[in-house]
Amino acid sequence: MGRKIPMYRRRSGRIFISYRRQGGAEMARLVRDALQQRGYNVFMDVEDLRGGLFNTALFDEIESATDVIVILTPRSLDRCGAEGDWFRLEVAHAIQKKKNLIPVMTRGFEWPHEPLPDDLTALPNYSGLVPSHEFFDASMDRLASLLVGRSRPWWLWSKVGMATGGVLLVVSAVLLVSLERFQTDRKVSSPLQPAATSPTANTGEALPVKVLSSDHERAFDLGGAVKIEFILVPAGLFMMGEEGTTAWESPVHEVKITKPFWIGKYEVTQEQWQAIMGSNPSHFKGPRNPVENVSWDNCHAFLKKLNEKFGNSGVKFSLPTEAQWEYACRAGSTTRYSFGEDESSLQDYAWIPDNSEQATHPVGQKRPNAWGLYDMYGNVLELCADWLGPAYYAESPIDDPPGPATGTLPVVRGGAFTSEKAALECRSAGRVGCPSAATRAMWMGFRVVVSDVPGHSVGGPASAAAPIKWITPPPKPLPAQVAKPALPASMRCAVQIAMIQQMRKEHGHAATEGRASSWYPSTVLHTLVN
């Protein structure tokens, strides 16, 4: 699981890990070992105390730390109501001292419905992550990218270098400053820049901005202080689809993503669309809201201009294939949702009818999945590159399936703020068809993938030789015969409402209403934005 870090990658700063011994010790040790392998100085247990009174020494360790990692397990917050609870005292002290606090949430953890103690109310507002057990190394790389501690050349920390005199240190410092200025100057002129984090709190409050590792996150400058950000998704194997829902989501089948790829950290926003297209077609206005009321054809017009803008950089922007989208959405999970099976947690990750007030919201305000992708469920449906083929899963190739060669219905994924049956529509495997490439709707948008990044192979320095491995567990044998249920009455995905208009043109108004009445309530038959 661990990866050996070169000796010259020593790190400055000190990391404090706060955890509850009952339930959190194992994850705390895994995180400590992973960060120590990456060159970080980590404090975890009372055995590491440097001396003095226990409580004073412990608080001194927190105050001297550059970062505080909080391990959150399913029961870790249960006893925080007690005044003398040490886990609470540690976290509250880190919040009070304005430390760079990073929650690491294990599987099964959920924020409590009852209010937290006053000194812990800020805890859910901090940017954190849910580590993937199947792809733990990548999760720890992501965690390391959130830390304040910066890497330094080994000779700045060498006792020999310090003993040989200050001249070498001064010269080295001058060279280091010059190098950083040179790199900064290059970044200004380059379209490819390290991205900064955006708020993740459900309250929408601004959080401290951090510069993330350039190995796993990229941003392209669109001009006018507008950037489009991408997350690196590793190559791997997974099981695509879901049994027992609709016929076109089965059979569950093995898919291999043979190359790493970059995918939009967020849905494409209105300010990004405006920067490229010079207009904003959206119904719900807001610069950081997802662009909507765009068709599949409109998205390709946007991508054409985006590719022209960065044509000299050798990059290629496109819509994600269905396989890429589901693989990125699952983020190593095998459950209905990337966060598990509990549909009651969906509101923490998605804007749906229960919390959206029937409108889109700025991207990045809900929790991300384990790979750092936001709004994969809800807000707006996301168009993919594929045509919908109801029987395609039965004949899909294993390696990088491109979708049917021809078709009339573009695939949309992820559900929307209008999804009446959000628990069914906002699933990793959920897929429906948009009536045509020209259909526009105020609940439909998209995100972008990018390949052929200049100066950095898409998978990072070691990706070319890395073996493909299962991101989700290998499949269990499926039953010989699996029932293929028809479309249930509860399946009312918002974009399929638009199919009614096409049916009206082909079959007439009366015939269409008769066919559609068993699928959709009459109150939603006229909601399509033309």
Protein backbone atom coordinates (compact mmCIF):
# COMPACT_ATOMS: atom_id res chain seq x y z
CA MET A 1 0.00 0.00 0.00
CA GLY A 2 2.81 2.39 0.84
CA ARG A 3 5.07 4.04 -1.68
CA LYS A 4 8.69 4.81 -0.97
CA ILE A 5 9.47 8.53 -1.16
CA PRO A 6 12.92 9.64 -2.38
CA MET A 7 15.27 10.89 0.35
CA TYR A 8 15.46 14.37 -1.12
CA ARG A 9 11.74 14.90 -0.58
CA ARG A 10 11.95 15.92 3.08
CA ARG A 11 9.08 18.12 4.30
CA SER A 12 8.91 21.14 6.56
CA GLY A 13 6.31 21.58 9.28
CA ARG A 14 4.78 19.11 11.69
CA ILE A 15 1.51 17.19 11.31
CA PHE A 16 -0.73 16.50 14.33
CA ILE A 17 -3.20 13.60 14.00
CA SER A 18 -6.22 13.76 16.31
CA TYR A 19 -8.32 10.61 16.63
CA ARG A 20 -10.44 8.64 19.05
CA ARG A 21 -8.65 5.47 20.10
CA GLN A 22 -11.81 3.41 19.93
CA GLY A 23 -12.45 2.97 16.22
CA GLY A 24 -9.96 5.49 14.87
CA ALA A 25 -6.56 4.07 15.80
CA GLU A 26 -6.15 1.88 12.71
CA MET A 27 -6.88 4.68 10.22
CA ALA A 28 -4.69 7.07 12.21
CA ARG A 29 -1.75 4.66 11.95
CA LEU A 30 -2.31 4.17 8.21
CA VAL A 31 -2.37 7.93 7.64
CA ARG A 32 0.69 8.46 9.83
CA ASP A 33 2.68 5.78 8.01
CA ALA A 34 1.67 7.12 4.60
CA LEU A 35 2.68 10.69 5.48
CA GLN A 36 5.95 9.59 7.07
CA GLN A 37 6.76 7.69 3.87
CA ARG A 38 6.21 10.98 2.04
CA GLY A 39 8.72 12.74 4.28
CA TYR A 40 6.39 14.45 6.78
CA ASN A 41 7.07 14.85 10.51
CA VAL A 42 3.96 13.40 12.17
CA PHE A 43 2.77 13.51 15.79
CA MET A 44 0.14 10.92 16.64
CA ASP A 45 0.35 9.47 20.15
CA VAL A 46 1.13 10.57 23.68
CA GLU A 47 4.33 8.55 23.38
CA ASP A 48 5.55 11.27 21.00
CA LEU A 49 5.22 14.03 23.61
CA ARG A 50 8.42 15.93 24.19
CA GLY A 51 7.89 16.26 27.96
CA GLY A 52 6.07 18.50 30.46
CA LEU A 53 2.55 18.35 31.83
CA PHE A 54 0.32 16.18 29.66
CA ASN A 55 -2.36 18.73 28.80
CA THR A 56 0.11 21.61 28.33
CA ALA A 57 2.44 19.50 26.20
CA LEU A 58 -0.43 18.23 24.06
CA PHE A 59 -1.70 21.73 23.34
CA ASP A 60 1.88 22.85 22.63
CA GLU A 61 2.10 20.11 20.00
CA ILE A 62 -1.09 21.37 18.35
CA GLU A 63 0.15 24.98 18.40
CA SER A 64 3.49 24.01 16.85
CA ALA A 65 1.85 21.94 14.12
CA THR A 66 1.38 23.36 10.64
CA ASP A 67 -1.54 20.98 9.98
CA VAL A 68 -4.03 19.05 12.12
CA ILE A 69 -5.63 15.94 10.64
CA VAL A 70 -8.86 14.81 12.35
CA ILE A 71 -9.83 11.14 11.89
CA LEU A 72 -13.64 10.88 11.86
CA THR A 73 -15.14 7.42 12.28
CA PRO A 74 -18.85 6.48 12.63
CA ARG A 75 -18.77 6.90 16.45
CA SER A 76 -16.00 9.45 16.90
CA LEU A 77 -18.30 12.41 17.68
CA ASP A 78 -20.66 10.53 20.02
CA ARG A 79 -18.91 11.57 23.26
CA CYS A 80 -18.00 15.11 22.24
CA GLY A 81 -20.76 16.51 24.44
CA ALA A 82 -18.64 15.75 27.50
CA GLU A 83 -16.62 18.77 28.65
CA GLY A 84 -13.48 16.76 29.46
CA ASP A 85 -13.42 14.67 26.27
CA TRP A 86 -9.83 14.86 24.97
CA PHE A 87 -10.74 14.30 21.34
CA ARG A 88 -13.09 17.30 21.53
CA LEU A 89 -10.46 19.39 23.34
CA GLU A 90 -7.83 18.66 20.69
CA VAL A 91 -10.07 19.53 17.76
CA ALA A 92 -11.50 22.63 19.47
CA HIS A 93 -7.98 23.88 20.26
CA ALA A 94 -6.92 23.41 16.63
CA ILE A 95 -9.98 25.37 15.46
CA GLN A 96 -9.32 28.13 17.99
CA LYS A 97 -5.69 28.44 16.86
CA LYS A 98 -6.83 28.60 13.21
CA LYS A 99 -4.77 25.61 12.17
CA ASN A 100 -5.02 24.07 8.70
CA LEU A 101 -7.48 21.40 9.82
CA ILE A 102 -8.29 18.49 7.50
CA PRO A 103 -11.06 16.01 8.38
CA VAL A 104 -10.38 12.45 7.14
CA MET A 105 -13.76 10.68 7.12
CA THR A 106 -13.80 6.89 7.14
CA ARG A 107 -16.51 4.80 5.53
CA GLY A 108 -19.77 4.95 7.44
CA PHE A 109 -19.12 8.34 9.01
CA GLU A 110 -22.00 10.78 8.87
CA TRP A 111 -22.28 14.25 10.34
CA PRO A 112 -24.70 14.11 13.29
CA HIS A 113 -28.17 15.60 12.89
CA GLU A 114 -28.04 17.18 16.34
CA PRO A 115 -25.91 20.35 16.76
CA LEU A 116 -22.25 19.95 17.64
CA PRO A 117 -20.85 21.68 20.75
CA ASP A 118 -20.21 25.39 20.21
CA ASP A 119 -16.43 24.95 19.99
CA LEU A 120 -16.83 22.31 17.22
CA THR A 121 -19.49 23.96 15.04
CA ALA A 122 -16.87 25.01 12.48
CA LEU A 123 -15.61 21.44 11.98
CA PRO A 124 -17.97 20.49 9.07
CA ASN A 125 -16.86 23.62 7.18
CA TYR A 126 -13.29 22.39 6.67
CA SER A 127 -12.23 20.79 3.41
CA GLY A 128 -11.55 17.08 3.92
CA LEU A 129 -11.66 13.76 2.14
CA VAL A 130 -12.96 10.20 2.35
CA PRO A 131 -9.99 7.89 1.68
CA SER A 132 -10.55 5.02 -0.73
CA HIS A 133 -9.41 1.69 0.72
CA GLU A 134 -9.12 0.25 -2.78
CA PHE A 135 -6.92 3.12 -3.95
CA PHE A 136 -5.38 4.28 -0.70
CA ASP A 137 -2.13 5.61 -2.20
CA ALA A 138 -4.00 8.05 -4.42
CA SER A 139 -6.09 9.17 -1.42
CA MET A 140 -2.94 9.85 0.58
CA ASP A 141 -1.46 11.81 -2.32
CA ARG A 142 -4.66 13.86 -2.26
CA LEU A 143 -4.32 14.35 1.51
CA ALA A 144 -0.69 15.43 1.14
CA SER A 145 -1.77 18.01 -1.44
CA LEU A 146 -4.00 19.66 1.20
CA LEU A 147 -1.17 20.10 3.71
CA VAL A 148 0.51 23.44 4.29
CA GLY A 149 4.02 21.92 4.72
CA ARG A 150 6.18 22.45 1.62
CA SER A 151 8.93 20.26 0.28
CA ARG A 152 12.52 21.48 0.59
CA PRO A 153 15.80 20.20 -0.87
CA TRP A 154 17.56 17.88 1.53
CA TRP A 155 20.57 20.14 1.99
CA LEU A 156 18.51 22.83 3.74
CA TRP A 157 17.93 20.28 6.51
CA SER A 158 21.38 18.66 6.53
CA LYS A 159 23.36 19.08 9.73
CA VAL A 160 26.51 18.83 7.64
CA GLY A 161 25.39 21.72 5.47
CA MET A 162 24.62 23.84 8.53
CA ALA A 163 27.96 23.01 10.10
CA THR A 164 30.02 23.92 7.04
CA GLY A 165 29.01 27.57 7.29
CA GLY A 166 26.37 30.06 6.38
CA VAL A 167 27.76 30.97 2.97
CA LEU A 168 26.39 27.85 1.29
CA LEU A 169 23.03 28.40 2.99
CA VAL A 170 22.80 32.02 1.83
CA VAL A 171 23.79 31.13 -1.73
CA SER A 172 21.33 28.25 -1.73
CA ALA A 173 18.55 30.48 -0.43
CA VAL A 174 19.23 33.06 -3.17
CA LEU A 175 19.14 30.32 -5.80
CA LEU A 176 15.92 28.93 -4.34
CA VAL A 177 14.23 32.35 -4.38
CA SER A 178 15.42 32.93 -7.96
CA LEU A 179 14.11 29.53 -9.01
CA GLU A 180 10.73 30.19 -7.39
CA ARG A 181 10.50 33.58 -9.13
CA PHE A 182 11.42 31.97 -12.44
CA GLN A 183 8.76 29.30 -11.96
CA THR A 184 6.22 31.97 -11.01
CA ASP A 185 7.02 33.95 -14.17
CA ARG A 186 6.58 30.80 -16.25
CA LYS A 187 3.24 30.06 -14.61
CA VAL A 188 1.91 33.50 -15.54
CA SER A 189 2.52 32.85 -19.23
CA SER A 190 1.39 29.21 -19.21
CA PRO A 191 -2.23 28.14 -19.71
CA LEU A 192 -1.61 25.24 -17.33
CA GLN A 193 -1.42 26.28 -13.67
CA PRO A 194 -1.80 24.61 -10.28
CA ALA A 195 -5.37 25.06 -9.09
CA ALA A 196 -6.63 26.34 -5.76
CA THR A 197 -9.31 24.72 -3.68
CA SER A 198 -12.79 26.15 -3.55
CA PRO A 199 -15.25 26.18 -0.64
CA THR A 200 -16.71 22.80 0.22
CA ALA A 201 -18.87 23.76 3.15
CA ASN A 202 -22.60 23.29 2.71
CA THR A 203 -23.06 26.76 4.23
CA GLY A 204 -21.26 28.34 1.28
CA GLU A 205 -18.81 30.19 3.59
CA ALA A 206 -15.42 30.92 2.06
CA LEU A 207 -12.61 28.69 3.33
CA PRO A 208 -8.84 29.32 3.21
CA VAL A 209 -7.40 28.87 -0.27
CA LYS A 210 -4.72 26.21 -0.66
CA VAL A 211 -2.51 25.47 -3.65
CA LEU A 212 -2.88 21.80 -4.55
CA SER A 213 -0.29 19.37 -5.83
CA SER A 214 0.33 19.78 -9.53
CA ASP A 215 0.50 15.97 -9.80
CA HIS A 216 -3.25 15.55 -9.28
CA GLU A 217 -4.94 18.85 -10.10
CA ARG A 218 -4.70 21.27 -13.01
CA ALA A 219 -6.37 24.51 -14.05
CA PHE A 220 -6.52 26.25 -17.42
CA ASP A 221 -6.70 30.04 -17.48
CA LEU A 222 -9.64 31.19 -19.62
CA GLY A 223 -8.88 34.88 -19.09
CA GLY A 224 -10.49 37.50 -16.88
CA ALA A 225 -9.54 35.60 -13.69
CA VAL A 226 -11.69 32.65 -14.85
CA LYS A 227 -10.17 29.17 -14.70
CA ILE A 228 -11.43 25.67 -15.43
CA GLU A 229 -10.12 23.04 -13.00
CA PHE A 230 -9.44 19.33 -13.50
CA ILE A 231 -8.74 16.32 -11.28
CA LEU A 232 -6.52 13.43 -12.40
CA VAL A 233 -8.37 10.09 -12.48
CA PRO A 234 -6.18 6.95 -12.46
CA ALA A 235 -6.45 4.06 -14.89
CA GLY A 236 -8.13 0.93 -13.56
CA LEU A 237 -10.81 -1.75 -13.78
CA PHE A 238 -14.36 -1.50 -12.45
CA MET A 239 -17.81 -3.06 -12.78
CA MET A 240 -20.16 -0.82 -14.75
CA GLY A 241 -23.95 -0.81 -14.47
CA GLU A 242 -26.49 -2.03 -11.91
CA GLU A 243 -28.94 -4.91 -11.85
CA GLY A 244 -32.58 -4.69 -10.86
CA THR A 245 -33.33 -1.10 -11.93
CA THR A 246 -33.85 -0.59 -15.67
CA ALA A 247 -33.04 -2.87 -18.58
CA TRP A 248 -30.50 -0.48 -20.08
CA GLU A 249 -28.38 -0.42 -16.88
CA SER A 250 -27.64 -4.16 -17.18
CA PRO A 251 -25.91 -6.46 -17.49
CA VAL A 252 -23.23 -5.38 -15.03
CA HIS A 253 -20.02 -5.75 -16.98
CA GLU A 254 -16.27 -5.36 -16.59
CA VAL A 255 -14.72 -2.16 -17.97
CA LYS A 256 -11.06 -1.25 -18.15
CA ILE A 257 -10.01 2.39 -18.27
CA THR A 258 -6.61 1.88 -19.87
CA LYS A 259 -5.23 5.42 -19.46
CA PRO A 260 -5.47 8.05 -16.73
CA PHE A 261 -7.50 11.11 -17.69
CA TRP A 262 -8.35 14.54 -16.35
CA ILE A 263 -12.00 15.35 -15.62
CA GLY A 264 -13.62 18.61 -14.56
CA LYS A 265 -13.55 19.13 -10.82
CA TYR A 266 -16.89 20.89 -11.21
CA GLU A 267 -19.65 21.12 -13.79
CA VAL A 268 -18.91 23.80 -16.40
CA THR A 269 -20.00 27.13 -14.91
CA GLN A 270 -21.71 30.11 -16.46
CA GLU A 271 -18.61 32.30 -16.13
CA GLN A 272 -16.56 29.66 -17.97
CA TRP A 273 -19.15 29.42 -20.75
CA GLN A 274 -19.28 33.22 -20.98
CA ALA A 275 -15.47 33.42 -21.23
CA ILE A 276 -15.44 31.07 -24.24
CA MET A 277 -18.78 31.71 -25.97
CA GLY A 278 -19.40 35.36 -25.10
CA SER A 279 -22.98 34.70 -23.96
CA ASN A 280 -24.93 32.98 -21.19
CA PRO A 281 -28.00 30.90 -22.14
CA SER A 282 -28.79 29.79 -18.58
CA HIS A 283 -32.20 30.17 -16.98
CA PHE A 284 -30.85 30.44 -13.42
CA LYS A 285 -28.20 33.16 -13.49
CA GLY A 286 -25.04 33.05 -11.39
CA PRO A 287 -21.36 33.11 -12.44
CA ARG A 288 -20.49 30.00 -10.39
CA ASN A 289 -23.76 28.21 -11.10
CA PRO A 290 -23.54 25.44 -13.68
CA VAL A 291 -24.35 26.52 -17.20
CA GLU A 292 -27.66 24.98 -18.32
CA ASN A 293 -30.22 25.27 -21.08
CA VAL A 294 -27.51 23.97 -23.44
CA SER A 295 -27.80 21.10 -25.88
CA TRP A 296 -25.36 18.36 -26.85
CA ASP A 297 -24.67 20.33 -30.04
CA ASN A 298 -24.07 23.49 -27.98
CA CYS A 299 -21.56 21.64 -25.80
CA HIS A 300 -19.59 20.55 -28.87
CA ALA A 301 -19.55 24.15 -30.12
CA PHE A 302 -18.10 25.18 -26.73
CA LEU A 303 -15.49 22.40 -26.91
CA LYS A 304 -14.52 23.41 -30.45
CA LYS A 305 -13.76 26.97 -29.31
CA LEU A 306 -12.00 25.72 -26.19
CA ASN A 307 -9.75 23.48 -28.30
CA GLU A 308 -9.04 26.37 -30.66
CA LYS A 309 -8.05 28.58 -27.74
CA PHE A 310 -5.52 26.03 -26.44
CA GLY A 311 -4.68 24.44 -29.80
CA ASN A 312 -1.03 25.46 -29.64
CA SER A 313 -0.69 23.76 -26.24
CA GLY A 314 -1.46 20.32 -27.65
CA VAL A 315 -4.42 19.66 -25.35
CA LYS A 316 -7.77 18.18 -26.32
CA PHE A 317 -11.04 18.89 -24.51
CA SER A 318 -14.09 16.64 -24.92
CA LEU A 319 -17.18 15.34 -23.20
CA PRO A 320 -16.53 12.30 -20.98
CA THR A 321 -17.55 8.93 -22.31
CA GLU A 322 -20.20 7.16 -20.27
CA ALA A 323 -17.57 4.77 -18.95
CA GLN A 324 -15.28 7.62 -17.89
CA TRP A 325 -18.17 9.40 -16.19
CA GLU A 326 -19.36 6.40 -14.16
CA TYR A 327 -15.80 5.38 -13.27
CA ALA A 328 -15.03 8.91 -11.99
CA CYS A 329 -18.38 9.12 -10.21
CA ARG A 330 -17.88 5.83 -8.36
CA ALA A 331 -14.37 6.87 -7.25
CA GLY A 332 -13.54 3.32 -6.19
CA SER A 333 -16.96 2.51 -4.68
CA THR A 334 -19.17 -0.47 -5.51
CA THR A 335 -22.32 0.87 -3.84
CA ARG A 336 -25.32 2.68 -5.38
CA TYR A 337 -23.76 6.01 -4.44
CA SER A 338 -20.09 6.87 -4.10
CA PHE A 339 -20.63 7.47 -0.36
CA GLY A 340 -22.46 4.17 0.33
CA GLU A 341 -26.02 2.83 0.25
CA ASP A 342 -27.73 5.33 2.57
CA GLU A 343 -29.91 7.54 0.40
CA SER A 344 -30.56 9.87 3.35
CA SER A 345 -27.00 11.17 2.91
CA LEU A 346 -27.69 12.27 -0.66
CA GLN A 347 -28.50 15.82 0.44
CA ASP A 348 -24.93 16.19 1.73
CA TYR A 349 -23.58 15.51 -1.77
CA ALA A 350 -26.25 16.80 -4.14
CA TRP A 351 -28.73 19.57 -4.85
CA ILE A 352 -32.04 17.73 -5.22
CA PRO A 353 -35.70 18.77 -4.78
CA ASP A 354 -35.50 18.36 -1.00
CA ASN A 355 -32.88 21.11 -0.65
CA SER A 356 -32.54 22.95 -3.97
CA GLU A 357 -35.69 25.13 -3.86
CA GLN A 358 -36.12 24.12 -7.52
CA ALA A 359 -33.06 26.01 -8.76
CA THR A 360 -29.40 25.37 -9.51
CA HIS A 361 -26.71 26.37 -7.00
CA PRO A 362 -23.05 27.41 -7.25
CA VAL A 363 -20.76 24.43 -7.86
CA GLY A 364 -18.58 23.00 -5.10
CA GLN A 365 -20.88 23.70 -2.14
CA LYS A 366 -21.67 20.05 -1.42
CA ARG A 367 -19.28 17.30 -0.38
CA PRO A 368 -17.03 15.81 -3.08
CA ASN A 369 -16.54 12.12 -3.75
CA ALA A 370 -13.36 10.31 -2.70
CA TRP A 371 -11.48 11.58 -5.77
CA GLY A 372 -12.35 15.23 -5.16
CA LEU A 373 -15.15 15.65 -7.74
CA TYR A 374 -18.13 17.83 -6.86
CA ASP A 375 -21.82 17.69 -7.90
CA MET A 376 -21.58 14.31 -9.62
CA TYR A 377 -25.13 13.87 -8.33
CA GLY A 378 -27.82 16.52 -8.63
CA ASN A 379 -27.60 20.22 -9.54
CA VAL A 380 -27.79 19.57 -13.33
CA LEU A 381 -27.83 16.43 -15.44
CA GLU A 382 -24.54 15.94 -17.28
CA LEU A 383 -24.30 15.18 -20.98
CA CYS A 384 -21.82 12.49 -22.07
CA ALA A 385 -20.15 11.84 -25.41
CA ASP A 386 -22.05 8.56 -26.04
CA TRP A 387 -25.30 7.84 -27.80
CA LEU A 388 -27.76 5.87 -25.68
CA GLY A 389 -27.85 2.21 -26.75
CA PRO A 390 -30.38 0.26 -24.64
CA ALA A 391 -28.65 -3.05 -25.47
CA TYR A 392 -25.09 -1.70 -25.65
CA TYR A 393 -24.00 -3.05 -22.25
CA ALA A 394 -24.45 -6.63 -23.47
CA GLU A 395 -21.97 -6.07 -26.32
CA SER A 396 -19.71 -3.39 -24.86
CA PRO A 397 -15.95 -3.92 -25.26
CA ILE A 398 -13.95 -4.17 -22.04
CA ASP A 399 -11.28 -1.60 -22.92
CA ASP A 400 -12.38 2.06 -22.96
CA PRO A 401 -15.89 1.50 -24.40
CA PRO A 402 -16.73 4.43 -26.73
CA GLY A 403 -20.49 3.84 -26.88
CA PRO A 404 -22.58 3.03 -29.97
CA ALA A 405 -21.22 4.29 -33.30
CA THR A 406 -24.53 5.95 -34.18
CA GLY A 407 -27.67 7.05 -32.41
CA THR A 408 -30.16 9.84 -31.81
CA LEU A 409 -30.32 10.13 -28.01
CA PRO A 410 -27.23 11.52 -26.19
CA VAL A 411 -26.64 9.98 -22.76
CA VAL A 412 -27.17 12.11 -19.64
CA ARG A 413 -26.02 11.15 -16.15
CA GLY A 414 -26.20 12.06 -12.47
CA GLY A 415 -29.72 13.38 -11.86
CA ALA A 416 -30.67 17.02 -11.31
CA PHE A 417 -32.15 19.49 -8.86
CA THR A 418 -35.55 18.60 -10.38
CA SER A 419 -35.22 14.81 -9.97
CA GLU A 420 -38.51 13.80 -8.35
CA LYS A 421 -37.17 10.40 -7.33
CA ALA A 422 -33.67 11.54 -6.42
CA ALA A 423 -32.69 8.30 -4.67
CA LEU A 424 -33.31 6.44 -7.93
CA GLU A 425 -32.14 9.01 -10.45
CA CYS A 426 -29.01 10.24 -8.65
CA ARG A 427 -27.07 6.97 -8.72
CA SER A 428 -23.63 6.16 -10.07
CA ALA A 429 -25.09 3.72 -12.61
CA GLY A 430 -28.17 5.79 -13.55
CA ARG A 431 -28.39 6.56 -17.28
CA VAL A 432 -31.10 8.01 -19.50
CA GLY A 433 -31.30 9.53 -22.96
CA CYS A 434 -31.80 13.13 -24.02
CA PRO A 435 -34.41 13.27 -26.83
CA SER A 436 -32.03 14.75 -29.40
CA ALA A 437 -28.69 16.46 -29.87
CA ALA A 438 -30.53 19.78 -30.15
CA THR A 439 -32.62 19.48 -26.96
CA ARG A 440 -31.99 22.13 -24.30
CA ALA A 441 -33.25 22.10 -20.71
CA MET A 442 -32.72 24.24 -17.63
CA TRP A 443 -31.72 21.14 -15.64
CA MET A 444 -29.08 19.91 -18.12
CA GLY A 445 -25.39 20.86 -18.31
CA PHE A 446 -22.04 19.07 -18.61
CA ARG A 447 -18.46 18.71 -17.44
CA VAL A 448 -15.30 18.31 -19.52
CA VAL A 449 -12.37 15.90 -19.79
CA VAL A 450 -8.94 16.85 -21.11
CA SER A 451 -6.08 14.77 -22.50
CA ASP A 452 -2.57 15.29 -23.92
CA VAL A 453 -1.48 17.83 -21.31
CA PRO A 454 1.85 19.36 -22.44
CA GLY A 455 4.90 18.75 -20.31
CA HIS A 456 3.11 16.23 -18.10
CA SER A 457 1.90 12.84 -19.23
CA VAL A 458 -1.75 12.44 -18.37
CA GLY A 459 -1.06 9.77 -15.79
CA GLY A 460 1.92 11.44 -14.14
CA PRO A 461 5.59 10.43 -14.38
CA ALA A 462 5.14 6.75 -13.51
CA SER A 463 1.78 6.02 -15.05
CA ALA A 464 2.97 4.58 -18.34
CA ALA A 465 4.58 1.59 -16.70
CA ALA A 466 2.00 1.17 -13.94
CA PRO A 467 -0.08 -2.03 -14.22
CA ILE A 468 -3.84 -1.74 -14.56
CA LYS A 469 -5.50 -2.88 -11.33
CA TRP A 470 -9.00 -3.23 -9.95
CA ILE A 471 -10.28 0.05 -8.54
CA THR A 472 -13.36 -1.82 -7.35
CA PRO A 473 -13.18 -5.44 -6.17
CA PRO A 474 -13.15 -8.09 -8.95
CA PRO A 475 -16.65 -9.23 -9.90
CA LYS A 476 -18.49 -12.10 -8.33
CA PRO A 477 -20.20 -14.55 -10.72
CA LEU A 478 -23.62 -13.33 -11.76
CA PRO A 479 -26.71 -15.55 -11.94
CA ALA A 480 -27.23 -17.21 -15.32
CA GLN A 481 -30.57 -15.44 -15.81
CA VAL A 482 -31.17 -11.92 -14.55
CA ALA A 483 -34.58 -10.32 -14.81
CA LYS A 484 -34.80 -7.24 -17.00
CA PRO A 485 -37.62 -5.15 -15.51
CA ALA A 486 -39.38 -2.58 -17.61
CA LEU A 487 -39.10 1.11 -16.84
CA PRO A 488 -40.85 1.62 -13.47
CA ALA A 489 -43.45 4.33 -13.02
CA SER A 490 -41.21 6.01 -10.44
CA MET A 491 -38.43 6.59 -12.99
CA ARG A 492 -39.17 10.23 -13.79
CA CYS A 493 -35.75 11.58 -14.71
CA ALA A 494 -36.25 15.22 -15.58
CA VAL A 495 -34.60 15.26 -18.95
CA GLN A 496 -36.76 12.39 -20.24
CA ILE A 497 -39.74 14.67 -19.93
CA ALA A 498 -38.41 16.33 -23.04
CA MET A 499 -39.05 13.11 -24.97
CA ILE A 500 -42.74 13.93 -24.82
CA GLN A 501 -42.27 16.88 -27.15
CA GLN A 502 -40.57 14.69 -29.71
CA MET A 503 -43.35 12.12 -29.37
CA ARG A 504 -45.94 14.83 -29.97
CA LYS A 505 -44.30 15.75 -33.25
CA GLU A 506 -44.18 12.14 -34.40
CA HIS A 507 -47.49 10.77 -33.09
CA GLY A 508 -49.73 13.74 -32.40
CA HIS A 509 -50.78 15.39 -29.15
CA ALA A 510 -53.56 13.02 -28.05
CA ALA A 511 -51.64 9.81 -28.76
CA THR A 512 -48.61 11.16 -26.95
CA GLU A 513 -50.53 12.11 -23.82
CA GLY A 514 -51.93 8.59 -23.66
CA ARG A 515 -48.50 6.98 -23.94
CA ALA A 516 -46.79 9.40 -21.56
CA SER A 517 -49.39 9.54 -18.80
CA SER A 518 -48.13 6.32 -17.24
CA TRP A 519 -44.61 7.74 -17.00
CA TYR A 520 -45.04 11.37 -15.94
CA PRO A 521 -47.59 13.47 -14.01
CA SER A 522 -49.44 16.01 -16.14
CA THR A 523 -47.97 18.92 -14.17
CA VAL A 524 -44.51 18.29 -15.61
CA LEU A 525 -45.39 17.69 -19.26
CA HIS A 526 -44.72 21.31 -20.25
CA THR A 527 -41.49 22.06 -18.38
CA LEU A 528 -39.07 21.71 -21.31
CA VAL A 529 -37.15 24.87 -22.19
CA ASN A 530 -37.11 25.23 -25.98
